[in-house]
Each structure stands twice: as structure tokens, then as C-alpha cells.
Protein backbone atom coordinates (compact mmCIF):
# COMPACT_ATOMS: atom_id res chain seq x y z
CA MET A 1 148.93 6.22 39.55
CA GLY A 2 149.45 5.87 35.74
CA ILE A 3 148.46 2.17 35.77
CA LEU A 4 145.28 3.09 37.74
CA LYS A 5 144.38 5.80 35.31
CA THR A 6 145.03 3.47 32.38
CA ILE A 7 142.70 0.80 34.09
CA LYS A 8 139.93 3.44 34.61
CA GLN A 9 140.29 4.41 31.05
CA ASP A 10 140.07 0.94 29.84
CA VAL A 11 137.05 0.23 32.00
CA GLY A 12 135.49 3.38 30.81
CA SER A 13 136.24 2.50 27.27
CA ASP A 14 134.75 -1.01 27.82
CA LEU A 15 131.53 0.53 29.29
CA ALA A 16 131.30 2.87 26.22
CA ILE A 17 131.75 0.03 23.81
CA ARG A 18 129.24 -2.11 25.65
CA ARG A 19 126.70 0.82 25.65
CA ARG A 20 127.37 1.39 21.89
CA ASN A 21 127.00 -2.39 21.32
CA GLU A 22 123.60 -2.35 23.16
CA GLU A 23 122.50 0.69 21.05
CA LEU A 24 123.48 -1.07 17.89
CA GLU A 25 121.79 -4.29 18.87
CA LYS A 26 118.55 -2.37 19.72
CA GLU A 27 118.79 -0.56 16.27
CA LEU A 28 119.37 -4.00 14.53
CA GLN A 29 116.30 -5.47 16.35
CA ALA A 30 114.15 -2.44 15.34
CA SER A 31 115.48 -2.74 11.75
CA ARG A 32 114.54 -6.43 11.71
CA GLU A 33 111.11 -5.67 13.00
CA ARG A 34 110.58 -2.92 10.37
CA GLU A 35 111.78 -5.39 7.72
CA GLN A 36 109.34 -8.04 8.86
CA VAL A 37 106.56 -5.39 8.67
CA MET A 38 107.58 -4.45 5.18
CA ARG A 39 107.64 -8.08 4.15
CA GLN A 40 104.14 -8.61 5.48
CA GLN A 41 102.92 -5.43 3.72
CA LEU A 42 104.55 -6.63 0.43
CA GLN A 43 102.96 -10.07 0.83
CA ARG A 44 99.50 -8.32 1.32
CA ALA A 45 100.19 -6.07 -1.66
CA CYS A 46 101.04 -9.12 -3.79
CA GLU A 47 97.93 -10.94 -2.77
CA ARG A 48 95.73 -7.83 -3.51
CA LEU A 49 97.48 -7.67 -6.98
CA LYS A 50 96.76 -11.28 -7.67
CA VAL A 51 93.05 -10.76 -6.78
CA ALA A 52 92.86 -7.68 -8.96
CA GLU A 53 94.50 -9.55 -11.91
CA GLU A 54 92.05 -12.43 -11.56
CA ALA A 55 89.11 -10.04 -11.29
CA GLU A 56 90.42 -8.21 -14.42
CA GLU A 57 90.59 -11.55 -16.34
CA ARG A 58 87.02 -12.44 -15.33
CA LEU A 59 85.74 -9.01 -16.26
CA SER A 60 87.55 -9.25 -19.68
CA SER A 61 86.09 -12.59 -20.31
CA GLN A 62 82.59 -11.43 -19.44
CA LEU A 63 83.06 -8.37 -21.63
CA GLY A 64 83.99 -10.62 -24.51
CA GLU A 65 80.94 -12.77 -23.92
CA LEU A 66 78.70 -9.69 -23.84
CA GLU A 67 80.22 -8.35 -26.97
CA ALA A 68 79.56 -11.62 -28.81
CA GLU A 69 75.93 -11.66 -27.49
CA ALA A 70 75.50 -8.03 -28.46
CA LEU A 71 76.68 -8.76 -32.10
CA THR A 72 74.49 -11.82 -32.30
CA GLN A 73 71.46 -9.70 -31.17
CA ALA A 74 72.27 -6.93 -33.61
CA ARG A 75 72.47 -9.42 -36.54
CA ASP A 76 69.15 -11.02 -35.49
CA TYR A 77 67.52 -7.60 -35.17
CA HIS A 78 68.87 -6.69 -38.64
CA HIS A 79 67.47 -9.87 -40.17
CA GLN A 80 64.18 -9.17 -38.47
CA ILE A 81 64.06 -5.64 -39.65
CA ALA A 82 64.81 -6.66 -43.20
CA ALA A 83 62.07 -9.36 -43.01
CA LEU A 84 59.58 -6.73 -41.77
CA MET A 85 60.67 -4.29 -44.49
CA ASN A 86 59.91 -7.00 -47.05
CA GLN A 87 56.46 -7.71 -45.48
CA LEU A 88 55.70 -4.01 -45.45
CA SER A 89 56.76 -3.60 -49.03
CA GLN A 90 54.59 -6.46 -50.12
CA ALA A 91 51.72 -5.16 -48.15
CA GLN A 92 52.02 -1.84 -49.88
CA LYS A 93 52.15 -3.41 -53.21
CA LEU A 94 49.01 -5.42 -52.39
CA LEU A 95 47.21 -2.30 -51.18
CA GLN A 96 48.15 -0.41 -54.34
CA ILE A 97 46.79 -3.23 -56.47
CA ARG A 98 43.53 -3.26 -54.38
CA LEU A 99 43.17 0.47 -54.56
CA GLN A 100 43.65 0.27 -58.48
CA GLN A 101 41.04 -2.50 -58.86
CA PRO A 102 37.99 -0.36 -57.99
CA GLN A 103 39.25 2.22 -60.63
CA LEU A 104 39.46 -0.59 -63.23
CA GLN A 105 36.03 -1.93 -62.27
CA SER A 106 34.26 1.48 -62.35
CA ALA A 107 36.07 2.16 -65.78
CA SER A 108 34.64 -0.99 -67.21
CA VAL A 109 31.12 -0.34 -66.07
């Protein structure tokens, strides 16, 4: 009877080990599937990051171009304003001279 009991215990122990082994294999498979999903998510995140970095570079370049264009326009407007101020100053001088001429003519009459 002792041998039979030992055999039953060994068989029961083998079944328990096999069940545990199956559980561990299922957990391993689930872990591998989660790992694969995580790798895919990481890959997509890396791709999105690359797209965002490229967009940032393009925007930075465009901003630099716009700043240069704005500076050029500001300089052009400044020169145009200075030229118009000179023209206005000359026109005011001519107007003052013309306004003074009738006074000179009436004084000489």
C-alpha cells in the first residue's frame, strides 16, 4: 500500500507540475503579446515624434524667413518714410517762400 500511495502522490505531483507549467506558459505567451503591443506603440510614438520634429524644423525655418522678410519691409518702410519726410519738409519750405513773396511784392509797390 505504501508504494501505491507513493505512486499516487507522484502522479498527483506530476499533474500539479504540468498544470503549473501550462499556467506559466500561458502567462509567458500573454507577456510576449503585451511586449509586442508595447513595441508597436513605441514604434508609433517614435514615428509621431519624428514627424513632430520635422514639422518643428519646417516651422522654425519658415519663421526665420518671415522674420527676415519683416526686417526687410521695416527697413524699406523706414527709408520710404524718411524720403516722404524730406519731400514734405521741402514742400513746406517752398510754401513758406511762396507765402512770403506776395508780402515782398506788396511792400515794394
